[in-house]
Protein backbone atom coordinates (compact mmCIF):
# COMPACT_ATOMS: atom_id res chain seq x y z
CA UNK A 1 59.22 117.50 52.38
CA UNK A 2 55.72 118.55 52.30
CA UNK A 3 54.87 121.54 50.03
CA UNK A 4 54.55 124.94 51.76
CA UNK A 5 50.92 125.34 52.60
CA UNK A 6 49.13 128.43 51.14
CA UNK A 7 48.90 131.29 53.09
CA UNK A 8 46.34 131.43 56.05
CA UNK A 9 46.26 127.54 55.95
CA UNK A 10 47.74 125.14 58.68
CA UNK A 11 50.16 122.79 57.09
CA UNK A 12 50.13 119.03 57.57
CA UNK A 13 52.74 117.77 59.47
CA UNK A 14 55.53 115.89 57.82
CA UNK A 15 54.15 112.15 56.79
CA UNK A 16 55.77 108.90 56.82
CA UNK A 17 56.09 107.26 53.38
CA UNK A 18 55.81 103.70 53.99
CA UNK A 19 53.44 101.97 51.39
CA UNK A 20 51.91 99.82 54.47
CA UNK A 21 50.22 102.82 55.67
CA UNK A 22 48.79 104.16 52.59
CA UNK A 23 45.03 104.55 52.65
CA UNK A 24 42.18 103.99 50.33
CA UNK A 25 39.13 106.34 50.89
CA UNK A 26 36.17 105.06 48.59
CA UNK A 27 33.54 108.00 48.41
CA UNK A 28 34.18 111.52 47.76
CA UNK A 29 31.18 113.22 49.64
CA UNK A 30 31.47 115.10 52.45
CA UNK A 31 32.26 112.23 54.73
CA UNK A 32 34.75 110.64 52.41
CA UNK A 33 36.28 113.89 51.69
CA UNK A 34 36.35 114.92 55.41
CA UNK A 35 38.06 111.66 56.62
CA UNK A 36 40.58 111.78 53.47
CA UNK A 37 41.54 115.16 54.74
CA UNK A 38 41.78 114.20 58.35
CA UNK A 39 43.89 111.13 57.69
CA UNK A 40 45.93 112.83 55.35
CA UNK A 41 46.56 115.47 57.85
CA UNK A 42 47.60 112.58 60.22
CA UNK A 43 50.25 111.63 58.40
CA UNK A 44 49.02 108.89 55.97
CA UNK A 45 49.47 108.67 52.08
CA UNK A 46 45.64 109.03 50.88
CA UNK A 47 44.04 108.21 47.52
CA UNK A 48 40.40 109.23 47.26
CA UNK A 49 38.07 107.68 44.79
CA UNK A 50 36.25 110.49 43.47
CA UNK A 51 34.44 109.66 40.04
CA UNK A 52 34.54 113.06 39.16
CA UNK A 53 38.33 113.58 39.58
CA UNK A 54 39.96 115.14 36.53
CA UNK A 55 42.52 114.07 35.46
CA UNK A 56 42.36 110.84 36.77
CA UNK A 57 45.09 109.98 39.27
CA UNK A 58 46.16 113.78 39.83
CA UNK A 59 47.86 114.94 42.99
CA UNK A 60 45.46 117.35 44.51
CA UNK A 61 44.71 119.07 48.02
CA UNK A 62 42.07 118.96 50.38
CA UNK A 63 40.91 121.69 52.50
CA UNK A 64 39.16 121.50 55.76
CA UNK A 65 37.83 124.68 57.63
CA UNK A 66 36.61 124.02 61.18
CA UNK A 67 34.08 126.16 63.11
CA UNK A 68 36.72 128.05 64.94
CA UNK A 69 38.06 129.60 61.63
CA UNK A 70 40.91 127.44 61.25
CA UNK A 71 41.65 125.93 57.94
CA UNK A 72 43.83 122.86 57.45
CA UNK A 73 45.63 121.94 53.75
CA UNK A 74 46.52 118.42 53.16
CA UNK A 75 47.89 116.68 49.67
CA UNK A 76 45.98 113.65 48.68
CA UNK A 77 45.40 111.78 45.42
CA UNK A 78 42.31 111.44 43.50
CA UNK A 79 41.36 108.46 41.45
CA UNK A 80 38.38 107.64 39.40
CA UNK A 81 38.47 104.11 40.22
CA UNK A 82 40.04 101.92 43.03
CA UNK A 83 41.91 100.15 39.91
CA UNK A 84 43.70 102.95 39.43
CA UNK A 85 45.65 102.29 42.79
CA UNK A 86 48.72 100.18 41.95
CA UNK A 87 50.04 99.51 45.24
CA UNK A 88 47.89 97.34 47.84
CA UNK A 89 46.51 99.94 50.46
CA UNK A 90 47.09 99.37 54.22
CA UNK A 91 43.23 99.79 54.63
CA UNK A 92 40.03 101.05 53.20
CA UNK A 93 37.87 103.61 54.38
CA UNK A 94 34.23 102.85 52.64
CA UNK A 95 32.53 106.23 53.25
CA UNK A 96 29.66 105.82 50.48
CA UNK A 97 25.96 105.95 51.11
CA UNK A 98 24.44 102.63 52.51
CA UNK A 99 22.75 101.72 49.12
CA UNK A 100 26.06 102.49 47.18
CA UNK A 101 28.19 100.25 49.71
CA UNK A 102 27.44 96.94 47.88
CA UNK A 103 29.35 98.25 44.67
CA UNK A 104 32.06 100.02 46.72
CA UNK A 105 32.98 96.73 48.66
CA UNK A 106 32.91 94.94 45.35
CA UNK A 107 35.29 97.41 43.38
CA UNK A 108 38.03 96.75 46.09
CA UNK A 109 37.75 92.98 45.43
CA UNK A 110 41.69 93.08 44.29
CA UNK A 111 42.61 93.64 47.86
CA UNK A 112 40.43 90.80 49.76
CA UNK A 113 42.50 90.73 52.64
CA UNK A 114 42.88 94.72 53.20
CA UNK A 115 41.02 95.60 56.65
CA UNK A 116 38.20 98.09 56.16
CA UNK A 117 36.49 100.67 57.96
CA UNK A 118 32.80 101.02 57.38
CA UNK A 119 31.21 104.56 58.35
CA UNK A 120 27.73 104.24 57.01
CA UNK A 121 24.55 105.76 58.93
CA UNK A 122 22.29 103.14 60.13
CA UNK A 123 22.70 99.67 60.48
CA UNK A 124 23.55 96.76 58.25
CA UNK A 125 26.79 98.14 56.70
CA UNK A 126 28.93 95.75 58.72
CA UNK A 127 27.01 92.63 57.62
CA UNK A 128 27.18 93.67 53.89
CA UNK A 129 31.22 94.00 54.38
CA UNK A 130 31.59 90.56 56.15
CA UNK A 131 29.66 88.86 53.44
CA UNK A 132 31.56 90.20 50.51
CA UNK A 133 34.96 90.61 52.22
CA UNK A 134 35.20 87.42 54.65
CA UNK A 135 39.03 87.66 54.80
CA UNK A 136 39.33 91.06 55.74
CA UNK A 137 39.38 92.90 59.18
CA UNK A 138 36.64 95.13 59.86
CA UNK A 139 35.92 98.15 62.20
CA UNK A 140 32.61 100.01 62.52
CA UNK A 141 32.78 103.69 62.48
CA UNK A 142 30.19 106.03 63.89
CA UNK A 143 30.65 109.70 63.01
CA UNK A 144 28.94 112.52 65.21
CA UNK A 145 30.23 115.50 63.54
CA UNK A 146 28.34 117.32 60.95
CA UNK A 147 30.15 117.97 57.74
CA UNK A 148 29.65 119.45 54.27
CA UNK A 149 31.56 119.88 51.05
CA UNK A 150 31.10 123.10 49.35
CA UNK A 151 30.78 123.44 45.49
CA UNK A 152 34.85 124.07 45.39
CA UNK A 153 35.53 120.88 47.04
CA UNK A 154 36.34 122.24 50.71
CA UNK A 155 34.87 120.59 53.53
CA UNK A 156 33.49 122.63 56.34
CA UNK A 157 33.65 121.04 59.82
CA UNK A 158 30.71 122.39 61.40
CA UNK A 159 31.09 121.25 65.18
CA UNK A 160 33.57 119.12 67.31
CA UNK A 161 31.74 115.88 67.51
CA UNK A 162 33.74 112.76 67.40
CA UNK A 163 34.17 109.25 66.04
CA UNK A 164 33.58 105.98 67.52
CA UNK A 165 35.66 103.10 66.61
CA UNK A 166 34.65 99.35 67.11
CA UNK A 167 36.44 96.04 66.39
CA UNK A 168 34.11 93.81 64.17
CA UNK A 169 36.23 91.12 62.78
CA UNK A 170 40.00 90.19 62.62
CA UNK A 171 42.96 91.57 64.62
CA UNK A 172 41.91 95.28 64.07
CA UNK A 173 43.19 97.04 67.37
CA UNK A 174 46.37 98.35 65.79
CA UNK A 175 44.29 99.86 63.12
CA UNK A 176 42.08 101.37 65.41
CA UNK A 177 44.92 102.85 67.49
CA UNK A 178 46.54 104.13 64.17
CA UNK A 179 43.16 105.77 62.98
CA UNK A 180 42.67 107.16 66.13
CA UNK A 181 46.11 108.84 66.64
CA UNK A 182 45.80 110.19 63.08
CA UNK A 183 42.37 111.97 63.73
CA UNK A 184 43.86 113.42 67.12
CA UNK A 185 46.41 115.11 64.88
CA UNK A 186 43.51 117.42 63.51
CA UNK A 187 41.49 117.52 67.05
CA UNK A 188 39.07 115.14 65.96
CA UNK A 189 38.06 113.01 69.12
CA UNK A 190 38.15 109.22 68.26
CA UNK A 191 37.55 106.66 70.84
CA UNK A 192 37.55 102.71 70.51
CA UNK A 193 34.27 101.36 71.56
CA UNK A 194 34.14 97.28 72.40
CA UNK A 195 30.56 96.54 71.25
CA UNK A 196 29.95 97.61 67.64
CA UNK A 197 26.20 96.73 67.75
CA UNK A 198 25.74 98.87 70.57
CA UNK A 199 27.74 101.74 68.94
CA UNK A 200 25.72 101.59 65.47
CA UNK A 201 22.41 101.54 67.32
CA UNK A 202 23.17 104.17 69.45
CA UNK A 203 24.36 106.13 66.63
CA UNK A 204 20.96 105.22 64.67
CA UNK A 205 19.07 106.38 67.80
CA UNK A 206 21.00 109.78 67.26
CA UNK A 207 20.26 109.78 63.26
CA UNK A 208 16.66 109.37 63.97
CA UNK A 209 16.33 112.61 66.08
CA UNK A 210 14.53 115.34 63.85
CA UNK A 211 15.37 113.66 60.71
CA UNK A 212 12.21 111.77 58.88
CA UNK A 213 9.59 114.32 60.56
CA UNK A 214 11.73 117.08 59.55
CA UNK A 215 11.72 115.85 56.05
CA UNK A 216 8.28 115.80 55.78
CA UNK A 217 6.99 118.60 57.12
CA UNK A 218 10.18 120.59 55.49
CA UNK A 219 11.04 122.23 58.71
CA UNK A 220 14.08 122.48 61.11
CA UNK A 221 14.57 119.85 63.96
CA UNK A 222 13.86 122.65 66.55
CA UNK A 223 10.83 123.55 64.95
CA UNK A 224 9.54 119.93 64.96
CA UNK A 225 10.19 119.50 68.74
CA UNK A 226 8.34 122.67 69.45
CA UNK A 227 5.29 121.15 67.94
CA UNK A 228 3.25 118.52 70.45
CA UNK A 229 2.02 116.61 67.69
CA UNK A 230 5.37 116.26 65.51
CA UNK A 231 6.99 115.92 69.17
CA UNK A 232 4.81 112.64 70.01
CA UNK A 233 5.79 111.04 66.51
CA UNK A 234 9.70 111.74 67.22
CA UNK A 235 9.23 110.31 71.18
CA UNK A 236 7.23 107.24 70.07
CA UNK A 237 9.83 106.32 67.03
CA UNK A 238 12.77 106.68 69.44
CA UNK A 239 10.68 104.60 72.01
CA UNK A 240 10.06 102.20 69.35
CA UNK A 241 13.81 102.00 68.58
CA UNK A 242 14.89 101.52 72.22
CA UNK A 243 12.44 98.75 72.55
CA UNK A 244 14.17 96.92 69.44
CA UNK A 245 17.60 97.63 71.05
CA UNK A 246 16.32 95.85 74.29
CA UNK A 247 14.97 92.72 72.46
CA UNK A 248 18.54 92.79 70.68
CA UNK A 249 19.99 92.70 74.22
CA UNK A 250 21.95 95.99 73.29
CA UNK A 251 22.21 99.11 75.28
CA UNK A 252 22.49 102.76 74.17
CA UNK A 253 26.30 104.07 74.67
CA UNK A 254 28.25 107.35 74.82
CA UNK A 255 29.66 108.11 71.69
CA UNK A 256 32.30 111.17 71.18
CA UNK A 257 30.29 114.06 70.56
CA UNK A 258 26.98 112.34 71.44
CA UNK A 259 25.66 110.39 74.30
CA UNK A 260 22.61 108.29 73.53
CA UNK A 261 22.31 107.29 76.94
CA UNK A 262 21.37 110.99 77.80
CA UNK A 263 18.73 110.79 74.83
CA UNK A 264 17.26 107.43 76.09
CA UNK A 265 16.61 108.98 79.52
CA UNK A 266 15.01 111.90 78.23
CA UNK A 267 12.34 110.24 76.21
CA UNK A 268 11.34 108.38 79.12
CA UNK A 269 10.57 111.29 81.02
CA UNK A 270 6.83 112.52 81.11
CA UNK A 271 6.16 114.00 77.48
CA UNK A 272 6.01 117.69 78.61
CA UNK A 273 9.40 117.51 80.69
CA UNK A 274 10.75 115.60 77.80
CA UNK A 275 9.75 118.18 75.07
CA UNK A 276 11.16 120.80 76.95
CA UNK A 277 14.32 119.22 77.76
CA UNK A 278 15.11 118.26 74.32
CA UNK A 279 13.82 121.22 72.46
CA UNK A 280 16.57 123.27 74.08
CA UNK A 281 19.25 121.17 72.43
CA UNK A 282 17.74 119.76 69.41
CA UNK A 283 17.83 122.56 67.03
CA UNK A 284 21.55 123.05 67.49
CA UNK A 285 22.66 119.53 67.66
CA UNK A 286 23.56 119.49 64.01
CA UNK A 287 25.77 122.48 63.91
CA UNK A 288 23.31 124.31 61.41
CA UNK A 289 23.39 121.40 58.92
CA UNK A 290 19.97 120.20 57.42
CA UNK A 291 19.16 116.57 58.37
CA UNK A 292 19.96 114.15 55.51
CA UNK A 293 16.44 113.00 54.84
CA UNK A 294 15.18 116.77 54.57
CA UNK A 295 18.12 117.48 52.21
CA UNK A 296 16.95 114.26 49.93
CA UNK A 297 13.28 115.12 49.70
CA UNK A 298 14.32 118.69 49.11
CA UNK A 299 16.34 117.91 45.80
CA UNK A 300 17.71 114.60 45.86
CA UNK A 301 17.19 111.81 43.34
CA UNK A 302 17.47 108.01 43.89
CA UNK A 303 17.44 106.20 47.25
CA UNK A 304 17.33 107.69 50.50
CA UNK A 305 18.81 106.59 53.62
CA UNK A 306 15.38 106.10 55.36
CA UNK A 307 15.50 102.53 54.68
CA UNK A 308 18.48 101.95 56.80
CA UNK A 309 17.37 104.09 59.56
CA UNK A 310 13.30 104.11 60.43
CA UNK A 311 13.18 100.95 57.82
CA UNK A 312 15.90 98.84 59.68
CA UNK A 313 14.34 99.62 63.12
CA UNK A 314 10.85 98.25 61.30
CA UNK A 315 12.61 95.21 59.84
CA UNK A 316 14.33 94.23 62.97
CA UNK A 317 11.04 94.87 65.01
CA UNK A 318 9.43 92.41 62.63
CA UNK A 319 12.17 89.88 62.93
CA UNK A 320 12.04 90.04 66.82
CA UNK A 321 8.20 90.51 67.35
CA UNK A 322 8.43 94.23 68.68
CA UNK A 323 5.55 96.66 67.40
CA UNK A 324 7.34 99.47 65.35
CA UNK A 325 4.29 101.27 63.57
CA UNK A 326 5.47 104.51 63.52
CA UNK A 327 8.95 103.86 62.20
CA UNK A 328 7.34 101.56 59.51
CA UNK A 329 5.11 104.60 58.49
CA UNK A 330 7.93 107.27 58.71
CA UNK A 331 9.79 105.13 56.44
CA UNK A 332 7.26 104.30 53.89
CA UNK A 333 6.10 108.17 53.87
CA UNK A 334 9.47 109.36 53.11
CA UNK A 335 10.25 106.88 50.17
CA UNK A 336 6.67 107.68 48.80
CA UNK A 337 7.50 111.46 49.05
CA UNK A 338 10.77 111.40 47.19
CA UNK A 339 8.79 109.56 44.63
CA UNK A 340 5.61 111.80 44.41
CA UNK A 341 6.38 115.17 44.64
CA UNK A 342 2.84 115.97 45.07
CA UNK A 343 2.85 114.17 48.06
CA UNK A 344 5.94 115.74 49.19
CA UNK A 345 4.43 119.26 48.65
CA UNK A 346 0.99 118.52 50.33
CA UNK A 347 3.04 117.65 53.48
CA UNK A 348 5.93 120.41 53.42
CA UNK A 349 4.65 123.48 55.88
CA UNK A 350 1.67 121.43 57.22
CA UNK A 351 2.57 119.66 60.53
CA UNK A 352 -1.16 118.55 61.02
CA UNK A 353 -1.34 116.95 57.93
CA UNK A 354 2.19 114.94 58.66
CA UNK A 355 0.81 113.91 62.02
CA UNK A 356 -2.37 112.55 60.43
CA UNK A 357 -0.52 110.87 57.90
CA UNK A 358 1.73 109.21 60.30
CA UNK A 359 -0.60 108.71 63.21
CA UNK A 360 -4.08 107.66 61.39
CA UNK A 361 -3.03 104.97 59.26
CA UNK A 362 0.34 103.14 60.52
CA UNK A 363 0.48 100.00 58.87
CA UNK A 364 1.44 96.99 61.26
CA UNK A 365 5.03 96.37 61.32
């Protein structure tokens, strides 16, 4: 029987105990913690790799608070290393940032055939997983709901959003169905999407909105879209991305909680109409959560995700012969500002300087 939930929390349903349904979630940031709690609430025994766990391998709880005031309490097991998991997991969720993914994949080499779910922003995660785990089935995931982890370990689920799940390799449809069912138990919309490449590029398109520009000028996305010069940069980076997608032979698709097709249509409207239409929705699209690149420039250390966002667009554009100067310049500037705090401070709060830095000297893609 499950332990009684603390007062005010919604208890998890009775969960089955067969070992073949046990899941391993690698990465205890906001997304990994959220998915660990969601999947545990949906009936799966979950081990969460958390390098800060103490004591190691202790049974613990995960609390998810949603935007409607509901709080969900679930039991999970925290471990500091995948090697502390003794029974082979039924599936592995890789929920680390893209730059940590190679190490996370290699850390699970004790189970080379266990199917995986990659949930990273940007493009390139599935290629890494297929290279390092060729025997394992693979599902690509795209999460559109903004989540944050609080200092006390709770996860705040800021808006409904949802998740797309796409088969990449192996006979993974039963896994997709099981994951979608577990996610539905807490109210997270999950949908199977047949084309993984279209799904990942559509999520990339959504991730680009108000991200790099917001980071450089240190302003909310709504303010970015209200500024004509910054909006022009936004529009051009998205147009370049759509050109790369066209060259790849892939189209924007609707994800649960985010329809990239509407974004693709909106940016093709005349600029004044496009800015008015998008400006009304962009500010609240993240549920009040600060864009990831802005968070990084404000206080992060180490690499950012920009190389797998704007940088990925630039690399694919170069490979395919599609010019992407704005994406290349945005990627370069975010990288430079993360290393040079003087540059970061000169750009922050000065839209005209950001526009000049991006537009005046974009290097060839």
